[in-house]
Amino acid sequence: ADGSPALGASSAARVVVSVRSFHRFANLEGMT
């Protein structure tokens, strides 16, 4: 909505991997 362009398949996959790593870390640290 803010005008950021759509990501290609490989870039989108990398972002999802980053988000997965973040939530895994949050769970291991007891944040969730």
PDB file of all heavy atoms in Angstrom:
ATOM      1  N   ALA A   1       0.824  -1.215   0.000  1.00  0.00           N
ATOM      2  CA  ALA A   1       0.000   0.000   0.000  1.00  0.00           C
ATOM      3  C   ALA A   1       0.853   1.259   0.000  1.00  0.00           C
ATOM      4  O   ALA A   1       0.438   2.305  -0.506  1.00  0.00           O
ATOM      5  CB  ALA A   1      -0.926  -0.018   1.210  1.00  0.00           C
ATOM      6  N   ASP A   2       2.062   1.180   0.573  1.00  0.00           N
ATOM      7  CA  ASP A   2       2.931   2.355   0.629  1.00  0.00           C
ATOM      8  C   ASP A   2       3.750   2.549  -0.644  1.00  0.00           C
ATOM      9  O   ASP A   2       4.614   3.416  -0.714  1.00  0.00           O
ATOM     10  CB  ASP A   2       3.854   2.271   1.841  1.00  0.00           C
ATOM     11  CG  ASP A   2       4.804   1.062   1.751  1.00  0.00           C
ATOM     12  OD1 ASP A   2       4.739   0.317   0.759  1.00  0.00           O
ATOM     13  OD2 ASP A   2       5.592   0.875   2.701  1.00  0.00           O
ATOM     14  N   GLY A   3       3.467   1.713  -1.642  1.00  0.00           N
ATOM     15  CA  GLY A   3       4.178   1.849  -2.911  1.00  0.00           C
ATOM     16  C   GLY A   3       5.378   0.947  -3.062  1.00  0.00           C
ATOM     17  O   GLY A   3       6.018   0.932  -4.123  1.00  0.00           O
ATOM     18  N   SER A   4       5.722   0.166  -2.042  1.00  0.00           N
ATOM     19  CA  SER A   4       6.855  -0.772  -2.144  1.00  0.00           C
ATOM     20  C   SER A   4       6.555  -1.805  -3.219  1.00  0.00           C
ATOM     21  O   SER A   4       5.443  -2.336  -3.271  1.00  0.00           O
ATOM     22  CB  SER A   4       7.085  -1.472  -0.803  1.00  0.00           C
ATOM     23  OG  SER A   4       7.396  -0.532   0.205  1.00  0.00           O
ATOM     24  N   PRO A   5       7.506  -2.080  -4.088  1.00  0.00           N
ATOM     25  CA  PRO A   5       7.247  -3.011  -5.189  1.00  0.00           C
ATOM     26  C   PRO A   5       7.119  -4.452  -4.712  1.00  0.00           C
ATOM     27  O   PRO A   5       7.576  -4.803  -3.618  1.00  0.00           O
ATOM     28  CB  PRO A   5       8.481  -2.838  -6.075  1.00  0.00           C
ATOM     29  CG  PRO A   5       9.567  -2.426  -5.116  1.00  0.00           C
ATOM     30  CD  PRO A   5       8.875  -1.553  -4.102  1.00  0.00           C
ATOM     31  N   ALA A   6       6.478  -5.251  -5.529  1.00  0.00           N
ATOM     32  CA  ALA A   6       6.389  -6.685  -5.247  1.00  0.00           C
ATOM     33  C   ALA A   6       7.781  -7.298  -5.338  1.00  0.00           C
ATOM     34  O   ALA A   6       8.633  -6.822  -6.096  1.00  0.00           O
ATOM     35  CB  ALA A   6       5.447  -7.351  -6.243  1.00  0.00           C
ATOM     36  N   LEU A   7       8.015  -8.342  -4.564  1.00  0.00           N
ATOM     37  CA  LEU A   7       9.314  -9.015  -4.570  1.00  0.00           C
ATOM     38  C   LEU A   7       9.286 -10.211  -5.510  1.00  0.00           C
ATOM     39  O   LEU A   7       8.238 -10.834  -5.714  1.00  0.00           O
ATOM     40  CB  LEU A   7       9.672  -9.488  -3.157  1.00  0.00           C
ATOM     41  CG  LEU A   7       9.832  -8.409  -2.086  1.00  0.00           C
ATOM     42  CD1 LEU A   7      10.241  -9.058  -0.764  1.00  0.00           C
ATOM     43  CD2 LEU A   7      10.871  -7.368  -2.495  1.00  0.00           C
ATOM     44  N   GLY A   8      10.441 -10.517  -6.041  1.00  0.00           N
ATOM     45  CA  GLY A   8      10.578 -11.722  -6.843  1.00  0.00           C
ATOM     46  C   GLY A   8      10.530 -12.953  -5.955  1.00  0.00           C
ATOM     47  O   GLY A   8      10.588 -12.858  -4.720  1.00  0.00           O
ATOM     48  N   ALA A   9      10.450 -14.122  -6.578  1.00  0.00           N
ATOM     49  CA  ALA A   9      10.300 -15.373  -5.825  1.00  0.00           C
ATOM     50  C   ALA A   9      11.450 -15.594  -4.845  1.00  0.00           C
ATOM     51  O   ALA A   9      11.230 -15.943  -3.686  1.00  0.00           O
ATOM     52  CB  ALA A   9      10.181 -16.548  -6.788  1.00  0.00           C
ATOM     53  N   SER A  10      12.687 -15.396  -5.291  1.00  0.00           N
ATOM     54  CA  SER A  10      13.834 -15.663  -4.420  1.00  0.00           C
ATOM     55  C   SER A  10      13.915 -14.655  -3.279  1.00  0.00           C
ATOM     56  O   SER A  10      14.230 -15.019  -2.136  1.00  0.00           O
ATOM     57  CB  SER A  10      15.136 -15.647  -5.230  1.00  0.00           C
ATOM     58  OG  SER A  10      15.314 -14.402  -5.872  1.00  0.00           O
ATOM     59  N   SER A  11      13.612 -13.365  -3.562  1.00  0.00           N
ATOM     60  CA  SER A  11      13.648 -12.340  -2.511  1.00  0.00           C
ATOM     61  C   SER A  11      12.545 -12.586  -1.485  1.00  0.00           C
ATOM     62  O   SER A  11      12.758 -12.444  -0.272  1.00  0.00           O
ATOM     63  CB  SER A  11      13.487 -10.951  -3.123  1.00  0.00           C
ATOM     64  OG  SER A  11      14.585 -10.640  -3.961  1.00  0.00           O
ATOM     65  N   ALA A  12      11.350 -12.951  -1.969  1.00  0.00           N
ATOM     66  CA  ALA A  12      10.237 -13.229  -1.060  1.00  0.00           C
ATOM     67  C   ALA A  12      10.554 -14.424  -0.170  1.00  0.00           C
ATOM     68  O   ALA A  12      10.267 -14.419   1.033  1.00  0.00           O
ATOM     69  CB  ALA A  12       8.960 -13.488  -1.856  1.00  0.00           C
ATOM     70  N   ALA A  13      11.182 -15.439  -0.744  1.00  0.00           N
ATOM     71  CA  ALA A  13      11.549 -16.620   0.044  1.00  0.00           C
ATOM     72  C   ALA A  13      12.560 -16.246   1.124  1.00  0.00           C
ATOM     73  O   ALA A  13      12.486 -16.741   2.257  1.00  0.00           O
ATOM     74  CB  ALA A  13      12.119 -17.696  -0.873  1.00  0.00           C
ATOM     75  N   ARG A  14      13.497 -15.361   0.797  1.00  0.00           N
ATOM     76  CA  ARG A  14      14.486 -14.936   1.784  1.00  0.00           C
ATOM     77  C   ARG A  14      13.833 -14.196   2.947  1.00  0.00           C
ATOM     78  O   ARG A  14      14.195 -14.400   4.108  1.00  0.00           O
ATOM     79  CB  ARG A  14      15.517 -14.017   1.120  1.00  0.00           C
ATOM     80  CG  ARG A  14      16.713 -13.665   2.014  1.00  0.00           C
ATOM     81  CD  ARG A  14      17.388 -12.381   1.590  1.00  0.00           C
ATOM     82  NE  ARG A  14      16.544 -11.237   1.785  1.00  0.00           N
ATOM     83  CZ  ARG A  14      16.302 -10.314   0.841  1.00  0.00           C
ATOM     84  NH1 ARG A  14      16.842 -10.428  -0.357  1.00  0.00           N
ATOM     85  NH2 ARG A  14      15.507  -9.290   1.105  1.00  0.00           N
ATOM     86  N   VAL A  15      12.853 -13.336   2.646  1.00  0.00           N
ATOM     87  CA  VAL A  15      12.160 -12.598   3.701  1.00  0.00           C
ATOM     88  C   VAL A  15      11.435 -13.559   4.635  1.00  0.00           C
ATOM     89  O   VAL A  15      11.476 -13.415   5.868  1.00  0.00           O
ATOM     90  CB  VAL A  15      11.161 -11.585   3.100  1.00  0.00           C
ATOM     91  CG1 VAL A  15      10.350 -10.928   4.210  1.00  0.00           C
ATOM     92  CG2 VAL A  15      11.899 -10.521   2.302  1.00  0.00           C
ATOM     93  N   VAL A  16      10.772 -14.563   4.071  1.00  0.00           N
ATOM     94  CA  VAL A  16      10.053 -15.537   4.893  1.00  0.00           C
ATOM     95  C   VAL A  16      11.022 -16.295   5.790  1.00  0.00           C
ATOM     96  O   VAL A  16      10.731 -16.558   6.962  1.00  0.00           O
ATOM     97  CB  VAL A  16       9.246 -16.519   4.005  1.00  0.00           C
ATOM     98  CG1 VAL A  16       8.632 -17.640   4.856  1.00  0.00           C
ATOM     99  CG2 VAL A  16       8.148 -15.771   3.259  1.00  0.00           C
ATOM    100  N   VAL A  17      12.174 -16.637   5.268  1.00  0.00           N
ATOM    101  CA  VAL A  17      13.187 -17.325   6.072  1.00  0.00           C
ATOM    102  C   VAL A  17      13.623 -16.433   7.231  1.00  0.00           C
ATOM    103  O   VAL A  17      13.813 -16.896   8.365  1.00  0.00           O
ATOM    104  CB  VAL A  17      14.394 -17.721   5.202  1.00  0.00           C
ATOM    105  CG1 VAL A  17      15.555 -18.207   6.073  1.00  0.00           C
ATOM    106  CG2 VAL A  17      13.998 -18.810   4.219  1.00  0.00           C
ATOM    107  N   SER A  18      13.778 -15.140   6.974  1.00  0.00           N
ATOM    108  CA  SER A  18      14.157 -14.196   8.034  1.00  0.00           C
ATOM    109  C   SER A  18      13.082 -14.146   9.120  1.00  0.00           C
ATOM    110  O   SER A  18      13.391 -14.140  10.322  1.00  0.00           O
ATOM    111  CB  SER A  18      14.361 -12.796   7.449  1.00  0.00           C
ATOM    112  OG  SER A  18      15.448 -12.772   6.553  1.00  0.00           O
ATOM    113  N   VAL A  19      11.818 -14.118   8.715  1.00  0.00           N
ATOM    114  CA  VAL A  19      10.710 -14.079   9.673  1.00  0.00           C
ATOM    115  C   VAL A  19      10.659 -15.377  10.480  1.00  0.00           C
ATOM    116  O   VAL A  19      10.436 -15.363  11.695  1.00  0.00           O
ATOM    117  CB  VAL A  19       9.378 -13.829   8.939  1.00  0.00           C
ATOM    118  CG1 VAL A  19       8.191 -14.012   9.890  1.00  0.00           C
ATOM    119  CG2 VAL A  19       9.365 -12.429   8.334  1.00  0.00           C
ATOM    120  N   ARG A  20      10.883 -16.492   9.821  1.00  0.00           N
ATOM    121  CA  ARG A  20      10.911 -17.778  10.535  1.00  0.00           C
ATOM    122  C   ARG A  20      12.028 -17.786  11.580  1.00  0.00           C
ATOM    123  O   ARG A  20      11.837 -18.262  12.713  1.00  0.00           O
ATOM    124  CB  ARG A  20      11.112 -18.933   9.538  1.00  0.00           C
ATOM    125  CG  ARG A  20       9.841 -19.349   8.812  1.00  0.00           C
ATOM    126  CD  ARG A  20      10.153 -20.319   7.659  1.00  0.00           C
ATOM    127  NE  ARG A  20      11.002 -21.416   8.089  1.00  0.00           N
ATOM    128  CZ  ARG A  20      10.555 -22.546   8.667  1.00  0.00           C
ATOM    129  NH1 ARG A  20       9.258 -22.695   8.881  1.00  0.00           N
ATOM    130  NH2 ARG A  20      11.395 -23.503   9.001  1.00  0.00           N
ATOM    131  N   SER A  21      13.183 -17.242  11.210  1.00  0.00           N
ATOM    132  CA  SER A  21      14.313 -17.202  12.148  1.00  0.00           C
ATOM    133  C   SER A  21      13.985 -16.323  13.348  1.00  0.00           C
ATOM    134  O   SER A  21      14.324 -16.663  14.497  1.00  0.00           O
ATOM    135  CB  SER A  21      15.562 -16.674  11.441  1.00  0.00           C
ATOM    136  OG  SER A  21      15.963 -17.528  10.393  1.00  0.00           O
ATOM    137  N   PHE A  22      13.315 -15.203  13.095  1.00  0.00           N
ATOM    138  CA  PHE A  22      12.940 -14.297  14.177  1.00  0.00           C
ATOM    139  C   PHE A  22      11.994 -14.984  15.170  1.00  0.00           C
ATOM    140  O   PHE A  22      12.189 -14.921  16.387  1.00  0.00           O
ATOM    141  CB  PHE A  22      12.284 -13.042  13.609  1.00  0.00           C
ATOM    142  CG  PHE A  22      11.566 -12.219  14.644  1.00  0.00           C
ATOM    143  CD1 PHE A  22      12.278 -11.482  15.586  1.00  0.00           C
ATOM    144  CD2 PHE A  22      10.177 -12.201  14.702  1.00  0.00           C
ATOM    145  CE1 PHE A  22      11.625 -10.734  16.555  1.00  0.00           C
ATOM    146  CE2 PHE A  22       9.516 -11.459  15.669  1.00  0.00           C
ATOM    147  CZ  PHE A  22      10.235 -10.721  16.598  1.00  0.00           C
ATOM    148  N   HIS A  23      10.953 -15.636  14.667  1.00  0.00           N
ATOM    149  CA  HIS A  23       9.981 -16.271  15.556  1.00  0.00           C
ATOM    150  C   HIS A  23      10.591 -17.476  16.291  1.00  0.00           C
ATOM    151  O   HIS A  23      10.240 -17.735  17.447  1.00  0.00           O
ATOM    152  CB  HIS A  23       8.747 -16.687  14.766  1.00  0.00           C
ATOM    153  CG  HIS A  23       7.788 -15.548  14.527  1.00  0.00           C
ATOM    154  ND1 HIS A  23       7.000 -15.027  15.521  1.00  0.00           N
ATOM    155  CD2 HIS A  23       7.531 -14.823  13.410  1.00  0.00           C
ATOM    156  CE1 HIS A  23       6.271 -14.034  15.037  1.00  0.00           C
ATOM    157  NE2 HIS A  23       6.578 -13.878  13.745  1.00  0.00           N
ATOM    158  N   ARG A  24      11.495 -18.177  15.633  1.00  0.00           N
ATOM    159  CA  ARG A  24      12.174 -19.279  16.312  1.00  0.00           C
ATOM    160  C   ARG A  24      13.017 -18.747  17.463  1.00  0.00           C
ATOM    161  O   ARG A  24      13.021 -19.319  18.572  1.00  0.00           O
ATOM    162  CB  ARG A  24      13.047 -20.057  15.322  1.00  0.00           C
ATOM    163  CG  ARG A  24      13.730 -21.270  15.942  1.00  0.00           C
ATOM    164  CD  ARG A  24      14.333 -22.197  14.902  1.00  0.00           C
ATOM    165  NE  ARG A  24      15.308 -21.520  14.064  1.00  0.00           N
ATOM    166  CZ  ARG A  24      15.126 -21.239  12.773  1.00  0.00           C
ATOM    167  NH1 ARG A  24      13.984 -21.539  12.184  1.00  0.00           N
ATOM    168  NH2 ARG A  24      16.068 -20.613  12.078  1.00  0.00           N
ATOM    169  N   PHE A  25      13.711 -17.650  17.213  1.00  0.00           N
ATOM    170  CA  PHE A  25      14.518 -17.015  18.267  1.00  0.00           C
ATOM    171  C   PHE A  25      13.633 -16.546  19.419  1.00  0.00           C
ATOM    172  O   PHE A  25      13.962 -16.752  20.597  1.00  0.00           O
ATOM    173  CB  PHE A  25      15.294 -15.830  17.683  1.00  0.00           C
ATOM    174  CG  PHE A  25      16.005 -14.993  18.705  1.00  0.00           C
ATOM    175  CD1 PHE A  25      17.214 -15.407  19.242  1.00  0.00           C
ATOM    176  CD2 PHE A  25      15.448 -13.792  19.153  1.00  0.00           C
ATOM    177  CE1 PHE A  25      17.868 -14.637  20.193  1.00  0.00           C
ATOM    178  CE2 PHE A  25      16.098 -13.019  20.103  1.00  0.00           C
ATOM    179  CZ  PHE A  25      17.308 -13.447  20.625  1.00  0.00           C
ATOM    180  N   ALA A  26      12.515 -15.892  19.089  1.00  0.00           N
ATOM    181  CA  ALA A  26      11.607 -15.386  20.121  1.00  0.00           C
ATOM    182  C   ALA A  26      11.082 -16.520  20.989  1.00  0.00           C
ATOM    183  O   ALA A  26      10.966 -16.387  22.217  1.00  0.00           O
ATOM    184  CB  ALA A  26      10.447 -14.630  19.472  1.00  0.00           C
ATOM    185  N   ASN A  27      10.791 -17.651  20.362  1.00  0.00           N
ATOM    186  CA  ASN A  27      10.287 -18.796  21.124  1.00  0.00           C
ATOM    187  C   ASN A  27      11.371 -19.398  22.011  1.00  0.00           C
ATOM    188  O   ASN A  27      11.125 -19.727  23.183  1.00  0.00           O
ATOM    189  CB  ASN A  27       9.737 -19.838  20.147  1.00  0.00           C
ATOM    190  CG  ASN A  27       9.139 -21.050  20.838  1.00  0.00           C
ATOM    191  OD1 ASN A  27       9.549 -22.184  20.603  1.00  0.00           O
ATOM    192  ND2 ASN A  27       8.175 -20.836  21.723  1.00  0.00           N
ATOM    193  N   LEU A  28      12.580 -19.524  21.481  1.00  0.00           N
ATOM    194  CA  LEU A  28      13.686 -20.088  22.259  1.00  0.00           C
ATOM    195  C   LEU A  28      14.058 -19.197  23.436  1.00  0.00           C
ATOM    196  O   LEU A  28      14.484 -19.680  24.493  1.00  0.00           O
ATOM    197  CB  LEU A  28      14.906 -20.302  21.350  1.00  0.00           C
ATOM    198  CG  LEU A  28      14.792 -21.406  20.301  1.00  0.00           C
ATOM    199  CD1 LEU A  28      15.995 -21.387  19.376  1.00  0.00           C
ATOM    200  CD2 LEU A  28      14.677 -22.777  20.975  1.00  0.00           C
ATOM    201  N   GLU A  29      13.896 -17.896  23.273  1.00  0.00           N
ATOM    202  CA  GLU A  29      14.230 -16.949  24.337  1.00  0.00           C
ATOM    203  C   GLU A  29      13.093 -16.751  25.336  1.00  0.00           C
ATOM    204  O   GLU A  29      13.217 -15.968  26.274  1.00  0.00           O
ATOM    205  CB  GLU A  29      14.617 -15.598  23.731  1.00  0.00           C
ATOM    206  CG  GLU A  29      15.923 -15.611  22.969  1.00  0.00           C
ATOM    207  CD  GLU A  29      17.114 -15.904  23.874  1.00  0.00           C
ATOM    208  OE1 GLU A  29      17.235 -15.246  24.927  1.00  0.00           O
ATOM    209  OE2 GLU A  29      17.910 -16.793  23.527  1.00  0.00           O
ATOM    210  N   GLY A  30      11.978 -17.456  25.137  1.00  0.00           N
ATOM    211  CA  GLY A  30      10.858 -17.352  26.066  1.00  0.00           C
ATOM    212  C   GLY A  30       9.988 -16.139  25.853  1.00  0.00           C
ATOM    213  O   GLY A  30       9.130 -15.828  26.700  1.00  0.00           O
ATOM    214  N   MET A  31      10.156 -15.466  24.730  1.00  0.00           N
ATOM    215  CA  MET A  31       9.321 -14.303  24.439  1.00  0.00           C
ATOM    216  C   MET A  31       7.923 -14.728  23.998  1.00  0.00           C
ATOM    217  O   MET A  31       6.973 -13.947  24.103  1.00  0.00           O
ATOM    218  CB  MET A  31       9.980 -13.446  23.348  1.00  0.00           C
ATOM    219  CG  MET A  31      11.346 -12.892  23.749  1.00  0.00           C
ATOM    220  SD  MET A  31      12.282 -12.247  22.329  1.00  0.00           S
ATOM    221  CE  MET A  31      11.189 -10.947  21.764  1.00  0.00           C
ATOM    222  N   THR A  32       7.801 -15.951  23.484  1.00  0.00           N
ATOM    223  CA  THR A  32       6.510 -16.495  23.084  1.00  0.00           C
ATOM    224  C   THR A  32       6.411 -17.928  23.566  1.00  0.00           C
ATOM    225  O   THR A  32       7.435 -18.595  23.799  1.00  0.00           O
ATOM    226  CB  THR A  32       6.337 -16.470  21.548  1.00  0.00           C
ATOM    227  OG1 THR A  32       7.377 -17.258  20.943  1.00  0.00           O
ATOM    228  CG2 THR A  32       6.414 -15.048  21.013  1.00  0.00           C
TER     229      THR A  32
END
